[in-house]
Structure formats: C-alpha cells, structure tokens
C-alpha cells in the first residue's frame, strides 16, 4: 500500500511539474509533456533511463517521419494512418513499444499545426524533453530497499537455523519429522527477497550491486537441499548410537548459520563423521542396510549444503 501511495504521489507531482514548465514556455500542448512524464516513470532507475533514451530517439523519428509524409500527401488524417503503418513495426523492431503512444501524439501535433518547420520541430522536442527530464527528476529518489533486504537475510538465516535444529532433535530422539510447510513457506520468502534484490540492483546506476541476488540464489539452492534432507530424515530408522554423531554435527551447523567460520573446518568435521561411519560393522539385515544408506545420504546432503555456501563465497 505504501509503495502504491508513493508511486501515485510521485506521478502526480511529475504531471504538475511537466504541465507547469510546458505552460510557462507557452507550448501549445503542455498536457502532452505531462503524459510523457507518466510514461517515463518506471519502478527502477535503469529501466526508466533506458526507456527514456529510446523514447527520445523514437519520438524524433516520429516527428521527422510525419514531416516527410505530410510534405508529400498534405495535412490529411490518412497521413497519420500511413505513419502508424511505418512507425509501429519500426518501434517493435528496435524494442521500443513503449514509445508508440508518445511518438504518435507528437506526430499528430504536426497535423494539427499544419506546418513543417524548424519551429514545430523545436517545440515538439521541448515537449518531449520536458516530459523525459521531469520523469528523470522523479526517479532520482527511490525507496531504499537495502534495509528490507538485510531483514530478509536475517529472517532466512534464522529459519535455516531453526530447521536444522529441528532435524538435529529428530535424529537425537529418533522421531518422525512429519509433513510440514516450513520449507515451502521459506521458499516463497526467499523468492520475494530475490525479486526485491533485482529491484535494488536496477536502482543502482552501476552493475556492482548484484551481491544480494547471488546471496538469495545461494540460499534458495540450499533450501532445495534441505528439502532432500527432510525427505531422507523421514526414512531413517537407526539406533541411538548411530544417530547421535549425526545429530550433533547437524546441531553445530544450525548454530553457525549466518556466521560460518572457515568452511574447511565444517567440511573437515563432516569428513570425520563419514570416516566414523565407514569404520562401523557392516549391516546385518536389509532394513539396517537401507537405514544406513539413507543416513549416509542425509550426511552427503548436509555436506553439499555447506559446499553450496563454499562455492558462493569463492565466486
């Protein structure tokens, strides 16, 4: 709701400024400057600038094209139809669909003026520039979402820690973890955070603000690994003696989420647990064999969970 209100007030201010400036310069179509301002304001700075540049180029082409068409056929409405037949495919070709409306309006002014002159070209460009520059003025200030991203980050790390702690307790108590929607709900949260991180990056005028995108993508991949671990955990039927070491290392990882020490230390601890299980006597029954396999798979998934973070840190 706040975002909608902010965007609405910004558009209202832009319309007023554009109309005021165009009227102050005694241009004949100040409302067109206001319309172009509305079209020039987008959710992010990069998108707004990119679209504004294309709108300026396409707008000038529309004006010049109108000059040529009206010069040969006269100032007739059919000229605008011919212009659209040429201008629309051109705008689509250069990926400037958003410039079709503004270009057509500027071209229609040439018809209403019934004049092909530098003064008309100058006035239409003034209208175009007032709309675009007013829109640019409005996008200078954008809501700072970095604080929100940091809050998402803290929430996700807390949730990861709690999920791993639950898995540790399930192992220690040899209980069935059951069906729950914790991971699915967390998936939605991470995807929301990742979407906002794209907005954060696009509001920066450089390409150096993608760290949050990488971070949330890393956590999303880790989450999918946790889903595998949950499924394996529900299949484990092992003795207390076998479960305790795995429970302890799972608890250890839950306690260091978000403040991981050297990744090598964590991986070495997991490798030590693998060696511990390999030294145990071979299973004597099919059920024991299947349980041991699932336990080892859970441990491998836990190791991959850490290696995902390792690859993220390395890149």
Protein backbone atom coordinates (compact mmCIF):
# COMPACT_ATOMS: atom_id res chain seq x y z
CA UNK A 1 0.00 0.00 0.00
CA UNK A 2 2.83 2.40 0.91
CA UNK A 3 4.59 1.63 -2.37
CA UNK A 4 1.41 2.36 -4.36
CA UNK A 5 0.83 5.63 -2.48
CA UNK A 6 4.44 6.68 -3.02
CA UNK A 7 4.26 5.92 -6.75
CA UNK A 8 0.91 7.76 -7.08
CA UNK A 9 2.17 10.90 -5.33
CA UNK A 10 5.33 10.85 -7.44
CA UNK A 11 3.31 10.65 -10.67
CA UNK A 12 1.00 13.43 -9.51
CA UNK A 13 3.96 15.69 -8.73
CA UNK A 14 5.55 14.90 -12.10
CA UNK A 15 2.37 15.71 -14.04
CA UNK A 16 2.10 19.07 -12.28
CA UNK A 17 5.79 19.98 -12.87
CA UNK A 18 5.73 18.96 -16.55
CA UNK A 19 2.48 20.83 -17.25
CA UNK A 20 3.73 23.90 -15.38
CA UNK A 21 7.03 24.04 -17.29
CA UNK A 22 5.40 23.49 -20.69
CA UNK A 23 2.79 26.14 -19.94
CA UNK A 24 5.49 28.52 -18.68
CA UNK A 25 7.30 28.16 -22.02
CA UNK A 26 3.95 28.80 -23.75
CA UNK A 27 3.99 25.50 -25.61
CA UNK A 28 0.72 24.65 -27.30
CA UNK A 29 0.39 21.12 -25.87
CA UNK A 30 1.50 21.13 -22.21
CA UNK A 31 -0.68 18.13 -21.42
CA UNK A 32 1.47 16.02 -23.77
CA UNK A 33 4.53 16.79 -21.64
CA UNK A 34 2.59 15.53 -18.61
CA UNK A 35 1.62 12.33 -20.44
CA UNK A 36 5.23 11.67 -21.47
CA UNK A 37 6.26 12.17 -17.82
CA UNK A 38 3.82 9.46 -16.73
CA UNK A 39 5.15 7.11 -19.40
CA UNK A 40 8.76 7.83 -18.42
CA UNK A 41 8.48 6.85 -14.74
CA UNK A 42 9.15 3.19 -14.01
CA UNK A 43 9.90 1.12 -10.92
CA UNK A 44 13.68 1.28 -11.30
CA UNK A 45 16.22 3.90 -12.39
CA UNK A 46 17.91 1.77 -15.05
CA UNK A 47 14.64 0.85 -16.71
CA UNK A 48 13.44 4.46 -16.65
CA UNK A 49 16.65 5.78 -18.21
CA UNK A 50 16.75 3.01 -20.81
CA UNK A 51 13.14 3.62 -21.87
CA UNK A 52 13.57 7.43 -21.86
CA UNK A 53 16.55 7.26 -24.23
CA UNK A 54 14.59 5.05 -26.62
CA UNK A 55 11.55 7.34 -26.32
CA UNK A 56 13.63 10.39 -27.24
CA UNK A 57 15.12 8.72 -30.32
CA UNK A 58 11.82 7.17 -31.42
CA UNK A 59 9.95 10.46 -30.78
CA UNK A 60 12.30 12.38 -33.06
CA UNK A 61 11.95 9.75 -35.74
CA UNK A 62 8.14 10.01 -35.48
CA UNK A 63 8.28 13.81 -35.91
CA UNK A 64 10.61 13.62 -38.91
CA UNK A 65 8.56 10.81 -40.44
CA UNK A 66 5.43 12.97 -40.05
CA UNK A 67 7.22 15.84 -41.82
CA UNK A 68 8.06 13.61 -44.77
CA UNK A 69 4.58 12.05 -45.07
CA UNK A 70 2.66 15.34 -44.73
CA UNK A 71 5.03 17.02 -47.18
CA UNK A 72 4.09 14.53 -49.92
CA UNK A 73 0.36 13.93 -49.23
CA UNK A 74 -0.62 17.12 -47.44
CA UNK A 75 -2.02 17.55 -43.95
CA UNK A 76 -4.62 14.78 -44.06
CA UNK A 77 -5.67 12.20 -41.43
CA UNK A 78 -4.60 9.48 -43.84
CA UNK A 79 -1.05 10.66 -43.18
CA UNK A 80 -1.28 9.50 -39.56
CA UNK A 81 -2.51 6.09 -40.71
CA UNK A 82 0.46 5.78 -43.06
CA UNK A 83 2.75 6.93 -40.26
CA UNK A 84 1.42 4.21 -37.94
CA UNK A 85 1.89 1.56 -40.63
CA UNK A 86 5.57 2.50 -40.77
CA UNK A 87 6.22 3.63 -37.20
CA UNK A 88 4.69 0.72 -35.24
CA UNK A 89 6.78 -2.03 -36.95
CA UNK A 90 9.84 0.19 -36.55
CA UNK A 91 9.20 0.70 -32.80
CA UNK A 92 8.68 -3.04 -32.31
CA UNK A 93 11.85 -3.78 -34.31
CA UNK A 94 14.01 -1.61 -32.02
CA UNK A 95 12.19 -2.93 -28.93
CA UNK A 96 10.56 0.42 -28.19
CA UNK A 97 6.86 -0.48 -27.93
CA UNK A 98 6.51 1.96 -25.03
CA UNK A 99 7.36 4.81 -27.44
CA UNK A 100 4.48 4.17 -29.83
CA UNK A 101 1.92 6.31 -27.99
CA UNK A 102 4.19 9.29 -27.35
CA UNK A 103 5.54 9.17 -30.92
CA UNK A 104 2.04 9.11 -32.39
CA UNK A 105 0.91 12.04 -30.21
CA UNK A 106 3.91 14.13 -31.29
CA UNK A 107 3.24 13.30 -34.94
CA UNK A 108 -0.43 14.26 -34.53
CA UNK A 109 0.69 17.72 -33.39
CA UNK A 110 2.33 18.25 -36.78
CA UNK A 111 -1.05 17.57 -38.37
CA UNK A 112 -2.81 20.00 -36.05
CA UNK A 113 -0.18 22.72 -36.66
CA UNK A 114 -0.37 22.12 -40.43
CA UNK A 115 3.21 23.30 -40.63
CA UNK A 116 6.54 21.72 -41.46
CA UNK A 117 9.16 23.97 -39.93
CA UNK A 118 12.05 24.14 -37.50
CA UNK A 119 9.81 25.95 -35.00
CA UNK A 120 7.41 22.97 -34.93
CA UNK A 121 10.30 20.53 -34.65
CA UNK A 122 11.80 22.63 -31.83
CA UNK A 123 8.51 22.85 -29.92
CA UNK A 124 7.82 19.12 -30.17
CA UNK A 125 11.32 18.38 -28.92
CA UNK A 126 10.81 20.75 -26.00
CA UNK A 127 7.64 18.87 -25.05
CA UNK A 128 9.50 15.57 -25.37
CA UNK A 129 12.46 16.77 -23.29
CA UNK A 130 10.28 18.30 -20.55
CA UNK A 131 8.40 15.01 -20.16
CA UNK A 132 11.54 12.88 -20.16
CA UNK A 133 13.60 15.14 -17.87
CA UNK A 134 10.72 15.51 -15.41
CA UNK A 135 10.43 11.74 -15.32
CA UNK A 136 14.19 11.51 -14.74
CA UNK A 137 13.92 14.03 -11.90
CA UNK A 138 11.28 11.84 -10.25
CA UNK A 139 13.40 8.67 -10.36
CA UNK A 140 16.38 10.32 -8.65
CA UNK A 141 14.74 9.41 -5.35
CA UNK A 142 13.82 5.77 -4.98
CA UNK A 143 12.87 3.93 -1.77
CA UNK A 144 15.96 2.34 -0.19
CA UNK A 145 15.16 -1.36 -0.04
CA UNK A 146 18.57 -2.44 1.29
CA UNK A 147 17.31 -2.35 4.88
CA UNK A 148 14.45 -4.62 3.83
CA UNK A 149 16.91 -7.00 2.14
CA UNK A 150 19.02 -7.17 5.29
CA UNK A 151 15.89 -8.03 7.29
CA UNK A 152 15.06 -10.78 4.77
CA UNK A 153 18.61 -12.09 5.12
CA UNK A 154 18.37 -12.24 8.91
CA UNK A 155 14.94 -13.93 8.75
CA UNK A 156 16.14 -16.58 6.29
CA UNK A 157 19.23 -17.38 8.34
CA UNK A 158 17.12 -17.68 11.49
CA UNK A 159 14.70 -20.02 9.69
CA UNK A 160 17.56 -22.13 8.35
CA UNK A 161 18.99 -22.42 11.85
CA UNK A 162 15.63 -23.50 13.32
CA UNK A 163 15.01 -26.05 10.57
CA UNK A 164 18.41 -27.65 11.06
CA UNK A 165 17.90 -27.67 14.83
CA UNK A 166 14.59 -29.49 14.35
CA UNK A 167 16.36 -32.05 12.18
CA UNK A 168 19.03 -32.49 14.83
CA UNK A 169 16.41 -33.10 17.54
CA UNK A 170 14.55 -35.52 15.29
CA UNK A 171 17.72 -37.52 14.84
CA UNK A 172 18.58 -37.46 18.51
CA UNK A 173 15.09 -38.50 19.58
CA UNK A 174 14.60 -40.94 16.68
CA UNK A 175 11.25 -39.39 15.87
CA UNK A 176 9.42 -38.89 12.59
CA UNK A 177 9.71 -35.29 11.46
CA UNK A 178 6.37 -35.46 9.66
CA UNK A 179 4.94 -33.29 6.91
CA UNK A 180 5.26 -29.56 7.36
CA UNK A 181 5.20 -26.49 5.16
CA UNK A 182 8.13 -24.67 6.77
CA UNK A 183 10.41 -25.18 3.78
CA UNK A 184 7.74 -24.38 1.22
CA UNK A 185 6.83 -21.16 3.05
CA UNK A 186 10.50 -20.25 3.30
CA UNK A 187 10.88 -20.81 -0.44
CA UNK A 188 8.28 -18.09 -1.06
CA UNK A 189 10.12 -15.71 1.29
CA UNK A 190 13.46 -16.27 -0.46
CA UNK A 191 11.92 -15.74 -3.89
CA UNK A 192 10.31 -12.50 -2.68
CA UNK A 193 13.67 -11.33 -1.34
CA UNK A 194 15.38 -12.25 -4.60
CA UNK A 195 12.83 -10.26 -6.59
CA UNK A 196 13.42 -7.19 -4.41
CA UNK A 197 17.19 -7.65 -4.81
CA UNK A 198 16.74 -7.32 -8.59
CA UNK A 199 14.92 -4.04 -7.98
CA UNK A 200 17.76 -2.93 -5.70
CA UNK A 201 20.31 -3.71 -8.41
CA UNK A 202 18.33 -1.94 -11.13
CA UNK A 203 18.04 1.18 -9.00
CA UNK A 204 21.83 1.41 -8.91
CA UNK A 205 23.34 3.11 -11.94
CA UNK A 206 26.32 0.73 -11.90
CA UNK A 207 26.43 -3.05 -12.33
CA UNK A 208 28.10 -3.61 -8.97
CA UNK A 209 25.06 -4.15 -6.76
CA UNK A 210 24.19 -7.78 -7.50
CA UNK A 211 25.50 -9.27 -4.26
CA UNK A 212 22.02 -9.75 -2.79
CA UNK A 213 20.84 -11.58 -5.90
CA UNK A 214 23.74 -14.01 -5.56
CA UNK A 215 23.13 -14.41 -1.84
CA UNK A 216 19.42 -15.23 -2.10
CA UNK A 217 20.06 -17.56 -5.04
CA UNK A 218 22.60 -19.40 -2.87
CA UNK A 219 20.08 -19.71 -0.03
CA UNK A 220 17.42 -20.92 -2.46
CA UNK A 221 19.70 -23.72 -3.68
CA UNK A 222 20.50 -24.60 -0.05
CA UNK A 223 16.78 -24.71 0.70
CA UNK A 224 16.20 -27.30 -2.01
CA UNK A 225 18.98 -29.37 -0.44
CA UNK A 226 17.20 -29.10 2.92
CA UNK A 227 14.08 -30.50 1.25
CA UNK A 228 16.07 -33.60 0.25
CA UNK A 229 17.38 -33.87 3.80
CA UNK A 230 13.85 -33.67 5.23
CA UNK A 231 12.72 -36.50 2.97
CA UNK A 232 15.71 -38.66 3.93
CA UNK A 233 15.20 -37.91 7.60
CA UNK A 234 11.69 -39.30 7.50
CA UNK A 235 13.07 -42.61 6.24
CA UNK A 236 15.80 -43.07 8.87
CA UNK A 237 15.23 -45.84 11.41
CA UNK A 238 18.56 -46.24 13.14
CA UNK A 239 19.88 -46.85 16.62
CA UNK A 240 20.55 -44.06 19.09
CA UNK A 241 24.27 -44.76 18.85
CA UNK A 242 24.31 -44.12 15.12
CA UNK A 243 22.04 -41.07 15.31
CA UNK A 244 23.85 -39.05 17.98
CA UNK A 245 27.01 -38.10 15.98
CA UNK A 246 24.91 -37.00 13.00
CA UNK A 247 22.56 -35.09 15.30
CA UNK A 248 25.49 -33.27 16.90
CA UNK A 249 27.04 -32.15 13.63
CA UNK A 250 23.61 -31.04 12.34
CA UNK A 251 23.13 -29.00 15.51
CA UNK A 252 26.60 -27.50 15.11
CA UNK A 253 25.77 -26.33 11.58
CA UNK A 254 22.44 -24.90 12.77
CA UNK A 255 24.31 -22.79 15.32
CA UNK A 256 26.74 -21.27 12.79
CA UNK A 257 24.28 -20.35 10.03
CA UNK A 258 24.98 -16.75 9.00
CA UNK A 259 28.24 -16.65 10.92
CA UNK A 260 30.07 -19.60 9.41
CA UNK A 261 33.75 -19.94 10.36
CA UNK A 262 36.16 -21.20 7.76
CA UNK A 263 34.21 -23.56 5.51
CA UNK A 264 37.13 -26.00 5.57
CA UNK A 265 36.62 -26.53 9.30
CA UNK A 266 32.98 -27.51 8.79
CA UNK A 267 33.81 -29.80 5.87
CA UNK A 268 36.58 -31.47 7.86
CA UNK A 269 34.12 -32.21 10.65
CA UNK A 270 31.70 -33.76 8.16
CA UNK A 271 34.51 -35.78 6.59
CA UNK A 272 35.49 -37.05 10.05
CA UNK A 273 31.90 -38.21 10.61
CA UNK A 274 31.97 -40.03 7.29
CA UNK A 275 35.13 -41.88 8.34
CA UNK A 276 33.48 -42.73 11.66
CA UNK A 277 30.50 -44.38 9.94
CA UNK A 278 32.74 -46.25 7.49
CA UNK A 279 34.52 -47.91 10.40
CA UNK A 280 31.30 -49.35 11.80
CA UNK A 281 30.46 -53.02 11.18
CA UNK A 282 28.59 -53.84 8.00
CA UNK A 283 24.79 -54.07 8.29
CA UNK A 284 23.33 -57.50 9.11
CA UNK A 285 19.85 -57.02 7.66
CA UNK A 286 18.14 -55.39 4.72
CA UNK A 287 16.42 -52.84 6.96
CA UNK A 288 19.69 -51.91 8.62
CA UNK A 289 21.34 -51.58 5.19
CA UNK A 290 18.58 -49.29 3.90
CA UNK A 291 18.67 -47.19 7.07
CA UNK A 292 22.44 -46.85 6.85
CA UNK A 293 22.17 -45.82 3.20
CA UNK A 294 19.61 -43.14 3.98
CA UNK A 295 21.70 -41.91 6.91
CA UNK A 296 24.75 -41.63 4.67
CA UNK A 297 22.68 -39.79 2.05
CA UNK A 298 21.50 -37.33 4.70
CA UNK A 299 25.12 -36.74 5.65
CA UNK A 300 26.09 -36.24 1.99
CA UNK A 301 23.26 -33.73 1.56
CA UNK A 302 24.46 -31.90 4.65
CA UNK A 303 27.93 -31.72 3.13
CA UNK A 304 26.52 -30.41 -0.16
CA UNK A 305 24.54 -27.83 1.85
CA UNK A 306 27.87 -26.47 3.11
CA UNK A 307 29.62 -26.74 -0.27
CA UNK A 308 26.89 -24.56 -1.83
CA UNK A 309 27.94 -21.82 0.59
CA UNK A 310 31.60 -22.53 -0.21
CA UNK A 311 31.04 -22.03 -3.95
CA UNK A 312 29.13 -18.83 -3.23
CA UNK A 313 32.00 -17.45 -1.15
CA UNK A 314 34.55 -18.40 -3.79
CA UNK A 315 32.71 -16.53 -6.54
